[in-house]
Amino acid sequence: MPRVCLTQKQREEDRLRKDNERLHKNLELVEGGRSCRVMGEIVGLSAASYSKRRKSPELLTYEEIRKLCKNRGVSIASFCGEALTLSGMEAGA
């Protein structure tokens, strides 16, 4: 059977898809069930604007990510670079 390889573009698209999925999961974990209104207040956005960011976390700005991470006790590098776990977050933050 012939070997099938992904093109460079397909590999990049796959990496972006995985990065977006990880950001979405990390954002859900950081939210901890809080409403868009509450999360919007934390990052300085309206509930509607935060809701858009929630649907497409790649649209979050550095400043918004910094505020989220500071509020929840998570490092920016961890939020952006790896899948978070509950144990990786500060308890009760």
PDB file of N, CA and C in Angstrom:
ATOM      1  N   MET A   1       0.848  -1.171   0.000  1.00  0.00           N
ATOM      2  CA  MET A   1       0.000   0.000   0.000  1.00  0.00           C
ATOM      3  C   MET A   1       0.901   1.244   0.000  1.00  0.00           C
ATOM      4  N   PRO A   2       0.588   2.237  -0.828  1.00  0.00           N
ATOM      5  CA  PRO A   2       1.443   3.425  -0.880  1.00  0.00           C
ATOM      6  C   PRO A   2       1.341   4.256   0.391  1.00  0.00           C
ATOM      7  N   ARG A   3       2.431   4.890   0.718  1.00  0.00           N
ATOM      8  CA  ARG A   3       2.488   5.747   1.910  1.00  0.00           C
ATOM      9  C   ARG A   3       1.854   7.097   1.575  1.00  0.00           C
ATOM     10  N   VAL A   4       0.974   7.564   2.448  1.00  0.00           N
ATOM     11  CA  VAL A   4       0.292   8.838   2.243  1.00  0.00           C
ATOM     12  C   VAL A   4       0.862   9.852   3.225  1.00  0.00           C
ATOM     13  N   CYS A   5       1.269  10.990   2.697  1.00  0.00           N
ATOM     14  CA  CYS A   5       1.830  12.049   3.537  1.00  0.00           C
ATOM     15  C   CYS A   5       0.986  13.308   3.400  1.00  0.00           C
ATOM     16  N   LEU A   6       0.877  14.030   4.499  1.00  0.00           N
ATOM     17  CA  LEU A   6       0.174  15.302   4.469  1.00  0.00           C
ATOM     18  C   LEU A   6       1.061  16.360   3.818  1.00  0.00           C
ATOM     19  N   THR A   7       0.421  17.283   3.109  1.00  0.00           N
ATOM     20  CA  THR A   7       1.174  18.395   2.550  1.00  0.00           C
ATOM     21  C   THR A   7       1.501  19.370   3.680  1.00  0.00           C
ATOM     22  N   GLN A   8       2.404  20.297   3.411  1.00  0.00           N
ATOM     23  CA  GLN A   8       2.767  21.310   4.409  1.00  0.00           C
ATOM     24  C   GLN A   8       1.529  22.088   4.841  1.00  0.00           C
ATOM     25  N   LYS A   9       0.690  22.451   3.881  1.00  0.00           N
ATOM     26  CA  LYS A   9      -0.523  23.216   4.192  1.00  0.00           C
ATOM     27  C   LYS A   9      -1.459  22.392   5.089  1.00  0.00           C
ATOM     28  N   GLN A  10      -1.606  21.106   4.795  1.00  0.00           N
ATOM     29  CA  GLN A  10      -2.463  20.244   5.610  1.00  0.00           C
ATOM     30  C   GLN A  10      -1.914  20.110   7.023  1.00  0.00           C
ATOM     31  N   ARG A  11      -0.589  20.011   7.167  1.00  0.00           N
ATOM     32  CA  ARG A  11       0.014  19.923   8.499  1.00  0.00           C
ATOM     33  C   ARG A  11      -0.218  21.211   9.285  1.00  0.00           C
ATOM     34  N   GLU A  12      -0.076  22.355   8.608  1.00  0.00           N
ATOM     35  CA  GLU A  12      -0.316  23.639   9.268  1.00  0.00           C
ATOM     36  C   GLU A  12      -1.775  23.782   9.684  1.00  0.00           C
ATOM     37  N   GLU A  13      -2.699  23.388   8.819  1.00  0.00           N
ATOM     38  CA  GLU A  13      -4.127  23.461   9.141  1.00  0.00           C
ATOM     39  C   GLU A  13      -4.467  22.547  10.311  1.00  0.00           C
ATOM     40  N   ASP A  14      -3.864  21.370  10.333  1.00  0.00           N
ATOM     41  CA  ASP A  14      -4.093  20.426  11.424  1.00  0.00           C
ATOM     42  C   ASP A  14      -3.566  20.985  12.744  1.00  0.00           C
ATOM     43  N   ARG A  15      -2.382  21.602  12.702  1.00  0.00           N
ATOM     44  CA  ARG A  15      -1.805  22.202  13.912  1.00  0.00           C
ATOM     45  C   ARG A  15      -2.675  23.349  14.409  1.00  0.00           C
ATOM     46  N   LEU A  16      -3.152  24.198  13.500  1.00  0.00           N
ATOM     47  CA  LEU A  16      -4.025  25.307  13.892  1.00  0.00           C
ATOM     48  C   LEU A  16      -5.335  24.800  14.493  1.00  0.00           C
ATOM     49  N   ARG A  17      -5.889  23.750  13.903  1.00  0.00           N
ATOM     50  CA  ARG A  17      -7.128  23.173  14.427  1.00  0.00           C
ATOM     51  C   ARG A  17      -6.915  22.642  15.840  1.00  0.00           C
ATOM     52  N   LYS A  18      -5.804  21.947  16.052  1.00  0.00           N
ATOM     53  CA  LYS A  18      -5.499  21.407  17.383  1.00  0.00           C
ATOM     54  C   LYS A  18      -5.240  22.530  18.383  1.00  0.00           C
ATOM     55  N   ASP A  19      -4.535  23.578  17.954  1.00  0.00           N
ATOM     56  CA  ASP A  19      -4.289  24.725  18.836  1.00  0.00           C
ATOM     57  C   ASP A  19      -5.604  25.379  19.240  1.00  0.00           C
ATOM     58  N   ASN A  20      -6.511  25.560  18.286  1.00  0.00           N
ATOM     59  CA  ASN A  20      -7.807  26.180  18.579  1.00  0.00           C
ATOM     60  C   ASN A  20      -8.642  25.317  19.515  1.00  0.00           C
ATOM     61  N   GLU A  21      -8.613  23.999  19.307  1.00  0.00           N
ATOM     62  CA  GLU A  21      -9.342  23.094  20.201  1.00  0.00           C
ATOM     63  C   GLU A  21      -8.791  23.189  21.621  1.00  0.00           C
ATOM     64  N   ARG A  22      -7.459  23.227  21.746  1.00  0.00           N
ATOM     65  CA  ARG A  22      -6.838  23.325  23.075  1.00  0.00           C
ATOM     66  C   ARG A  22      -7.190  24.649  23.740  1.00  0.00           C
ATOM     67  N   LEU A  23      -7.120  25.752  22.998  1.00  0.00           N
ATOM     68  CA  LEU A  23      -7.487  27.052  23.561  1.00  0.00           C
ATOM     69  C   LEU A  23      -8.936  27.058  24.026  1.00  0.00           C
ATOM     70  N   HIS A  24      -9.817  26.470  23.218  1.00  0.00           N
ATOM     71  CA  HIS A  24     -11.234  26.426  23.583  1.00  0.00           C
ATOM     72  C   HIS A  24     -11.434  25.645  24.884  1.00  0.00           C
ATOM     73  N   LYS A  25     -10.786  24.496  25.002  1.00  0.00           N
ATOM     74  CA  LYS A  25     -10.900  23.686  26.225  1.00  0.00           C
ATOM     75  C   LYS A  25     -10.305  24.416  27.425  1.00  0.00           C
ATOM     76  N   ASN A  26      -9.145  25.055  27.219  1.00  0.00           N
ATOM     77  CA  ASN A  26      -8.521  25.797  28.319  1.00  0.00           C
ATOM     78  C   ASN A  26      -9.400  26.961  28.757  1.00  0.00           C
ATOM     79  N   LEU A  27     -10.017  27.636  27.804  1.00  0.00           N
ATOM     80  CA  LEU A  27     -10.889  28.747  28.135  1.00  0.00           C
ATOM     81  C   LEU A  27     -12.092  28.270  28.947  1.00  0.00           C
ATOM     82  N   GLU A  28     -12.675  27.146  28.558  1.00  0.00           N
ATOM     83  CA  GLU A  28     -13.795  26.581  29.317  1.00  0.00           C
ATOM     84  C   GLU A  28     -13.374  26.261  30.748  1.00  0.00           C
ATOM     85  N   LEU A  29     -12.191  25.711  30.896  1.00  0.00           N
ATOM     86  CA  LEU A  29     -11.697  25.354  32.223  1.00  0.00           C
ATOM     87  C   LEU A  29     -11.457  26.607  33.067  1.00  0.00           C
ATOM     88  N   VAL A  30     -10.865  27.619  32.461  1.00  0.00           N
ATOM     89  CA  VAL A  30     -10.592  28.865  33.181  1.00  0.00           C
ATOM     90  C   VAL A  30     -11.903  29.552  33.575  1.00  0.00           C
ATOM     91  N   GLU A  31     -12.914  29.458  32.715  1.00  0.00           N
ATOM     92  CA  GLU A  31     -14.212  30.071  33.027  1.00  0.00           C
ATOM     93  C   GLU A  31     -14.851  29.443  34.255  1.00  0.00           C
ATOM     94  N   GLY A  32     -14.694  28.155  34.408  1.00  0.00           N
ATOM     95  CA  GLY A  32     -15.247  27.462  35.565  1.00  0.00           C
ATOM     96  C   GLY A  32     -16.745  27.634  35.727  1.00  0.00           C
ATOM     97  N   GLY A  33     -17.481  27.707  34.616  1.00  0.00           N
ATOM     98  CA  GLY A  33     -18.935  27.814  34.684  1.00  0.00           C
ATOM     99  C   GLY A  33     -19.444  29.232  34.885  1.00  0.00           C
ATOM    100  N   ARG A  34     -18.562  30.203  34.881  1.00  0.00           N
ATOM    101  CA  ARG A  34     -18.989  31.593  35.052  1.00  0.00           C
ATOM    102  C   ARG A  34     -19.689  32.086  33.791  1.00  0.00           C
ATOM    103  N   SER A  35     -20.562  33.050  33.954  1.00  0.00           N
ATOM    104  CA  SER A  35     -21.319  33.588  32.820  1.00  0.00           C
ATOM    105  C   SER A  35     -20.434  34.463  31.946  1.00  0.00           C
ATOM    106  N   CYS A  36     -20.908  34.726  30.728  1.00  0.00           N
ATOM    107  CA  CYS A  36     -20.191  35.623  29.821  1.00  0.00           C
ATOM    108  C   CYS A  36     -20.129  37.033  30.405  1.00  0.00           C
ATOM    109  N   ARG A  37     -21.133  37.416  31.158  1.00  0.00           N
ATOM    110  CA  ARG A  37     -21.134  38.743  31.780  1.00  0.00           C
ATOM    111  C   ARG A  37     -19.988  38.858  32.774  1.00  0.00           C
ATOM    112  N   VAL A  38     -19.849  37.856  33.646  1.00  0.00           N
ATOM    113  CA  VAL A  38     -18.790  37.869  34.660  1.00  0.00           C
ATOM    114  C   VAL A  38     -17.412  37.804  33.993  1.00  0.00           C
ATOM    115  N   MET A  39     -17.252  36.917  33.030  1.00  0.00           N
ATOM    116  CA  MET A  39     -15.961  36.790  32.356  1.00  0.00           C
ATOM    117  C   MET A  39     -15.640  38.047  31.557  1.00  0.00           C
ATOM    118  N   GLY A  40     -16.661  38.653  30.959  1.00  0.00           N
ATOM    119  CA  GLY A  40     -16.460  39.904  30.237  1.00  0.00           C
ATOM    120  C   GLY A  40     -15.967  41.008  31.156  1.00  0.00           C
ATOM    121  N   GLU A  41     -16.514  41.061  32.372  1.00  0.00           N
ATOM    122  CA  GLU A  41     -16.060  42.059  33.348  1.00  0.00           C
ATOM    123  C   GLU A  41     -14.587  41.848  33.702  1.00  0.00           C
ATOM    124  N   ILE A  42     -14.179  40.602  33.807  1.00  0.00           N
ATOM    125  CA  ILE A  42     -12.786  40.293  34.152  1.00  0.00           C
ATOM    126  C   ILE A  42     -11.834  40.815  33.077  1.00  0.00           C
ATOM    127  N   VAL A  43     -12.198  40.635  31.816  1.00  0.00           N
ATOM    128  CA  VAL A  43     -11.293  41.036  30.728  1.00  0.00           C
ATOM    129  C   VAL A  43     -11.610  42.416  30.160  1.00  0.00           C
ATOM    130  N   GLY A  44     -12.682  43.048  30.645  1.00  0.00           N
ATOM    131  CA  GLY A  44     -13.018  44.392  30.195  1.00  0.00           C
ATOM    132  C   GLY A  44     -13.827  44.428  28.913  1.00  0.00           C
ATOM    133  N   LEU A  45     -14.699  43.440  28.725  1.00  0.00           N
ATOM    134  CA  LEU A  45     -15.556  43.376  27.547  1.00  0.00           C
ATOM    135  C   LEU A  45     -17.013  43.264  27.967  1.00  0.00           C
ATOM    136  N   SER A  46     -17.906  43.553  27.025  1.00  0.00           N
ATOM    137  CA  SER A  46     -19.320  43.306  27.275  1.00  0.00           C
ATOM    138  C   SER A  46     -19.556  41.796  27.213  1.00  0.00           C
ATOM    139  N   ALA A  47     -20.707  41.371  27.716  1.00  0.00           N
ATOM    140  CA  ALA A  47     -21.044  39.946  27.668  1.00  0.00           C
ATOM    141  C   ALA A  47     -21.102  39.457  26.220  1.00  0.00           C
ATOM    142  N   ALA A  48     -21.641  40.276  25.318  1.00  0.00           N
ATOM    143  CA  ALA A  48     -21.753  39.887  23.907  1.00  0.00           C
ATOM    144  C   ALA A  48     -20.371  39.737  23.263  1.00  0.00           C
ATOM    145  N   SER A  49     -19.477  40.683  23.555  1.00  0.00           N
ATOM    146  CA  SER A  49     -18.124  40.603  22.989  1.00  0.00           C
ATOM    147  C   SER A  49     -17.369  39.396  23.538  1.00  0.00           C
ATOM    148  N   TYR A  50     -17.529  39.133  24.839  1.00  0.00           N
ATOM    149  CA  TYR A  50     -16.854  37.977  25.418  1.00  0.00           C
ATOM    150  C   TYR A  50     -17.408  36.684  24.815  1.00  0.00           C
ATOM    151  N   SER A  51     -18.708  36.653  24.576  1.00  0.00           N
ATOM    152  CA  SER A  51     -19.333  35.474  23.984  1.00  0.00           C
ATOM    153  C   SER A  51     -18.718  35.167  22.621  1.00  0.00           C
ATOM    154  N   LYS A  52     -18.430  36.209  21.839  1.00  0.00           N
ATOM    155  CA  LYS A  52     -17.776  36.006  20.535  1.00  0.00           C
ATOM    156  C   LYS A  52     -16.383  35.440  20.722  1.00  0.00           C
ATOM    157  N   ARG A  53     -15.654  35.944  21.719  1.00  0.00           N
ATOM    158  CA  ARG A  53     -14.304  35.437  21.988  1.00  0.00           C
ATOM    159  C   ARG A  53     -14.375  33.984  22.441  1.00  0.00           C
ATOM    160  N   ARG A  54     -15.407  33.669  23.199  1.00  0.00           N
ATOM    161  CA  ARG A  54     -15.576  32.305  23.708  1.00  0.00           C
ATOM    162  C   ARG A  54     -15.775  31.322  22.556  1.00  0.00           C
ATOM    163  N   LYS A  55     -16.532  31.752  21.551  1.00  0.00           N
ATOM    164  CA  LYS A  55     -16.772  30.890  20.390  1.00  0.00           C
ATOM    165  C   LYS A  55     -15.531  30.751  19.518  1.00  0.00           C
ATOM    166  N   SER A  56     -14.683  31.774  19.508  1.00  0.00           N
ATOM    167  CA  SER A  56     -13.453  31.769  18.710  1.00  0.00           C
ATOM    168  C   SER A  56     -12.303  32.273  19.570  1.00  0.00           C
ATOM    169  N   PRO A  57     -11.776  31.422  20.459  1.00  0.00           N
ATOM    170  CA  PRO A  57     -10.759  31.883  21.400  1.00  0.00           C
ATOM    171  C   PRO A  57      -9.488  32.405  20.749  1.00  0.00           C
ATOM    172  N   GLU A  58      -9.261  32.067  19.484  1.00  0.00           N
ATOM    173  CA  GLU A  58      -8.077  32.599  18.804  1.00  0.00           C
ATOM    174  C   GLU A  58      -8.180  34.108  18.602  1.00  0.00           C
ATOM    175  N   LEU A  59      -9.375  34.682  18.817  1.00  0.00           N
ATOM    176  CA  LEU A  59      -9.566  36.132  18.702  1.00  0.00           C
ATOM    177  C   LEU A  59      -9.196  36.882  19.985  1.00  0.00           C
ATOM    178  N   LEU A  60      -8.947  36.155  21.074  1.00  0.00           N
ATOM    179  CA  LEU A  60      -8.547  36.809  22.320  1.00  0.00           C
ATOM    180  C   LEU A  60      -7.244  37.571  22.116  1.00  0.00           C
ATOM    181  N   THR A  61      -7.176  38.779  22.639  1.00  0.00           N
ATOM    182  CA  THR A  61      -5.939  39.555  22.557  1.00  0.00           C
ATOM    183  C   THR A  61      -5.009  39.136  23.698  1.00  0.00           C
ATOM    184  N   TYR A  62      -3.756  39.532  23.580  1.00  0.00           N
ATOM    185  CA  TYR A  62      -2.792  39.221  24.639  1.00  0.00           C
ATOM    186  C   TYR A  62      -3.261  39.822  25.966  1.00  0.00           C
ATOM    187  N   GLU A  63      -3.740  41.047  25.929  1.00  0.00           N
ATOM    188  CA  GLU A  63      -4.181  41.723  27.153  1.00  0.00           C
ATOM    189  C   GLU A  63      -5.353  40.974  27.799  1.00  0.00           C
ATOM    190  N   GLU A  64      -6.288  40.489  26.995  1.00  0.00           N
ATOM    191  CA  GLU A  64      -7.425  39.728  27.526  1.00  0.00           C
ATOM    192  C   GLU A  64      -6.954  38.415  28.143  1.00  0.00           C
ATOM    193  N   ILE A  65      -6.034  37.742  27.470  1.00  0.00           N
ATOM    194  CA  ILE A  65      -5.485  36.490  28.009  1.00  0.00           C
ATOM    195  C   ILE A  65      -4.742  36.762  29.310  1.00  0.00           C
ATOM    196  N   ARG A  66      -3.980  37.854  29.351  1.00  0.00           N
ATOM    197  CA  ARG A  66      -3.224  38.216  30.561  1.00  0.00           C
ATOM    198  C   ARG A  66      -4.175  38.432  31.741  1.00  0.00           C
ATOM    199  N   LYS A  67      -5.273  39.149  31.506  1.00  0.00           N
ATOM    200  CA  LYS A  67      -6.243  39.415  32.573  1.00  0.00           C
ATOM    201  C   LYS A  67      -6.914  38.131  33.043  1.00  0.00           C
ATOM    202  N   LEU A  68      -7.290  37.268  32.104  1.00  0.00           N
ATOM    203  CA  LEU A  68      -7.906  35.983  32.470  1.00  0.00           C
ATOM    204  C   LEU A  68      -6.954  35.154  33.328  1.00  0.00           C
ATOM    205  N   CYS A  69      -5.732  35.035  32.858  1.00  0.00           N
ATOM    206  CA  CYS A  69      -4.753  34.198  33.560  1.00  0.00           C
ATOM    207  C   CYS A  69      -4.429  34.763  34.938  1.00  0.00           C
ATOM    208  N   LYS A  70      -4.278  36.066  35.032  1.00  0.00           N
ATOM    209  CA  LYS A  70      -3.984  36.686  36.325  1.00  0.00           C
ATOM    210  C   LYS A  70      -5.132  36.448  37.305  1.00  0.00           C
ATOM    211  N   ASN A  71      -6.357  36.612  36.828  1.00  0.00           N
ATOM    212  CA  ASN A  71      -7.527  36.431  37.675  1.00  0.00           C
ATOM    213  C   ASN A  71      -7.665  34.996  38.162  1.00  0.00           C
ATOM    214  N   ARG A  72      -7.303  34.036  37.322  1.00  0.00           N
ATOM    215  CA  ARG A  72      -7.505  32.625  37.647  1.00  0.00           C
ATOM    216  C   ARG A  72      -6.242  31.930  38.148  1.00  0.00           C
ATOM    217  N   GLY A  73      -5.115  32.643  38.239  1.00  0.00           N
ATOM    218  CA  GLY A  73      -3.891  32.040  38.756  1.00  0.00           C
ATOM    219  C   GLY A  73      -3.262  31.024  37.828  1.00  0.00           C
ATOM    220  N   VAL A  74      -3.322  31.287  36.523  1.00  0.00           N
ATOM    221  CA  VAL A  74      -2.757  30.385  35.520  1.00  0.00           C
ATOM    222  C   VAL A  74      -1.700  31.163  34.743  1.00  0.00           C
ATOM    223  N   SER A  75      -0.594  30.530  34.419  1.00  0.00           N
ATOM    224  CA  SER A  75       0.426  31.226  33.627  1.00  0.00           C
ATOM    225  C   SER A  75      -0.043  31.342  32.184  1.00  0.00           C
ATOM    226  N   ILE A  76       0.360  32.416  31.544  1.00  0.00           N
ATOM    227  CA  ILE A  76       0.000  32.635  30.140  1.00  0.00           C
ATOM    228  C   ILE A  76       0.577  31.520  29.276  1.00  0.00           C
ATOM    229  N   ALA A  77       1.792  31.116  29.569  1.00  0.00           N
ATOM    230  CA  ALA A  77       2.433  30.045  28.793  1.00  0.00           C
ATOM    231  C   ALA A  77       1.637  28.746  28.896  1.00  0.00           C
ATOM    232  N   SER A  78       1.154  28.436  30.090  1.00  0.00           N
ATOM    233  CA  SER A  78       0.360  27.222  30.262  1.00  0.00           C
ATOM    234  C   SER A  78      -0.964  27.333  29.526  1.00  0.00           C
ATOM    235  N   PHE A  79      -1.618  28.494  29.632  1.00  0.00           N
ATOM    236  CA  PHE A  79      -2.914  28.686  28.980  1.00  0.00           C
ATOM    237  C   PHE A  79      -2.785  28.536  27.469  1.00  0.00           C
ATOM    238  N   CYS A  80      -1.739  29.104  26.901  1.00  0.00           N
ATOM    239  CA  CYS A  80      -1.580  29.112  25.446  1.00  0.00           C
ATOM    240  C   CYS A  80      -0.861  27.880  24.906  1.00  0.00           C
ATOM    241  N   GLY A  81      -0.054  27.230  25.731  1.00  0.00           N
ATOM    242  CA  GLY A  81       0.817  26.212  25.195  1.00  0.00           C
ATOM    243  C   GLY A  81       0.539  24.776  25.550  1.00  0.00           C
ATOM    244  N   GLU A  82      -0.364  24.520  26.472  1.00  0.00           N
ATOM    245  CA  GLU A  82      -0.606  23.134  26.873  1.00  0.00           C
ATOM    246  C   GLU A  82      -2.050  22.973  27.321  1.00  0.00           C
ATOM    247  N   ALA A  83      -2.494  21.727  27.374  1.00  0.00           N
ATOM    248  CA  ALA A  83      -3.839  21.454  27.858  1.00  0.00           C
ATOM    249  C   ALA A  83      -3.837  21.572  29.376  1.00  0.00           C
ATOM    250  N   LEU A  84      -4.673  22.449  29.895  1.00  0.00           N
ATOM    251  CA  LEU A  84      -4.750  22.655  31.341  1.00  0.00           C
ATOM    252  C   LEU A  84      -5.535  21.535  31.999  1.00  0.00           C
ATOM    253  N   THR A  85      -5.259  21.334  33.274  1.00  0.00           N
ATOM    254  CA  THR A  85      -6.036  20.411  34.095  1.00  0.00           C
ATOM    255  C   THR A  85      -6.494  21.178  35.324  1.00  0.00           C
ATOM    256  N   LEU A  86      -7.465  20.654  36.027  1.00  0.00           N
ATOM    257  CA  LEU A  86      -7.928  21.310  37.246  1.00  0.00           C
ATOM    258  C   LEU A  86      -6.806  21.441  38.253  1.00  0.00           C
ATOM    259  N   SER A  87      -5.924  20.450  38.323  1.00  0.00           N
ATOM    260  CA  SER A  87      -4.825  20.521  39.273  1.00  0.00           C
ATOM    261  C   SER A  87      -3.805  21.588  38.883  1.00  0.00           C
ATOM    262  N   GLY A  88      -3.830  22.008  37.612  1.00  0.00           N
ATOM    263  CA  GLY A  88      -2.903  23.026  37.153  1.00  0.00           C
ATOM    264  C   GLY A  88      -3.372  24.429  37.455  1.00  0.00           C
ATOM    265  N   MET A  89      -4.566  24.549  38.028  1.00  0.00           N
ATOM    266  CA  MET A  89      -5.113  25.859  38.363  1.00  0.00           C
ATOM    267  C   MET A  89      -5.107  26.047  39.858  1.00  0.00           C
ATOM    268  N   GLU A  90      -4.970  27.279  40.271  1.00  0.00           N
ATOM    269  CA  GLU A  90      -4.971  27.606  41.686  1.00  0.00           C
ATOM    270  C   GLU A  90      -6.360  27.321  42.268  1.00  0.00           C
ATOM    271  N   ALA A  91      -6.448  26.582  43.322  1.00  0.00           N
ATOM    272  CA  ALA A  91      -7.733  26.230  43.928  1.00  0.00           C
ATOM    273  C   ALA A  91      -8.429  27.473  44.463  1.00  0.00           C
ATOM    274  N   GLY A  92      -9.708  27.575  44.152  1.00  0.00           N
ATOM    275  CA  GLY A  92     -10.531  28.648  44.679  1.00  0.00           C
ATOM    276  C   GLY A  92     -10.293  29.999  44.046  1.00  0.00           C
ATOM    277  N   ALA A  93      -9.482  30.067  43.014  1.00  0.00           N
ATOM    278  CA  ALA A  93      -9.207  31.357  42.371  1.00  0.00           C
ATOM    279  C   ALA A  93     -10.362  31.782  41.495  1.00  0.00           C
TER     280      ALA A  93
END
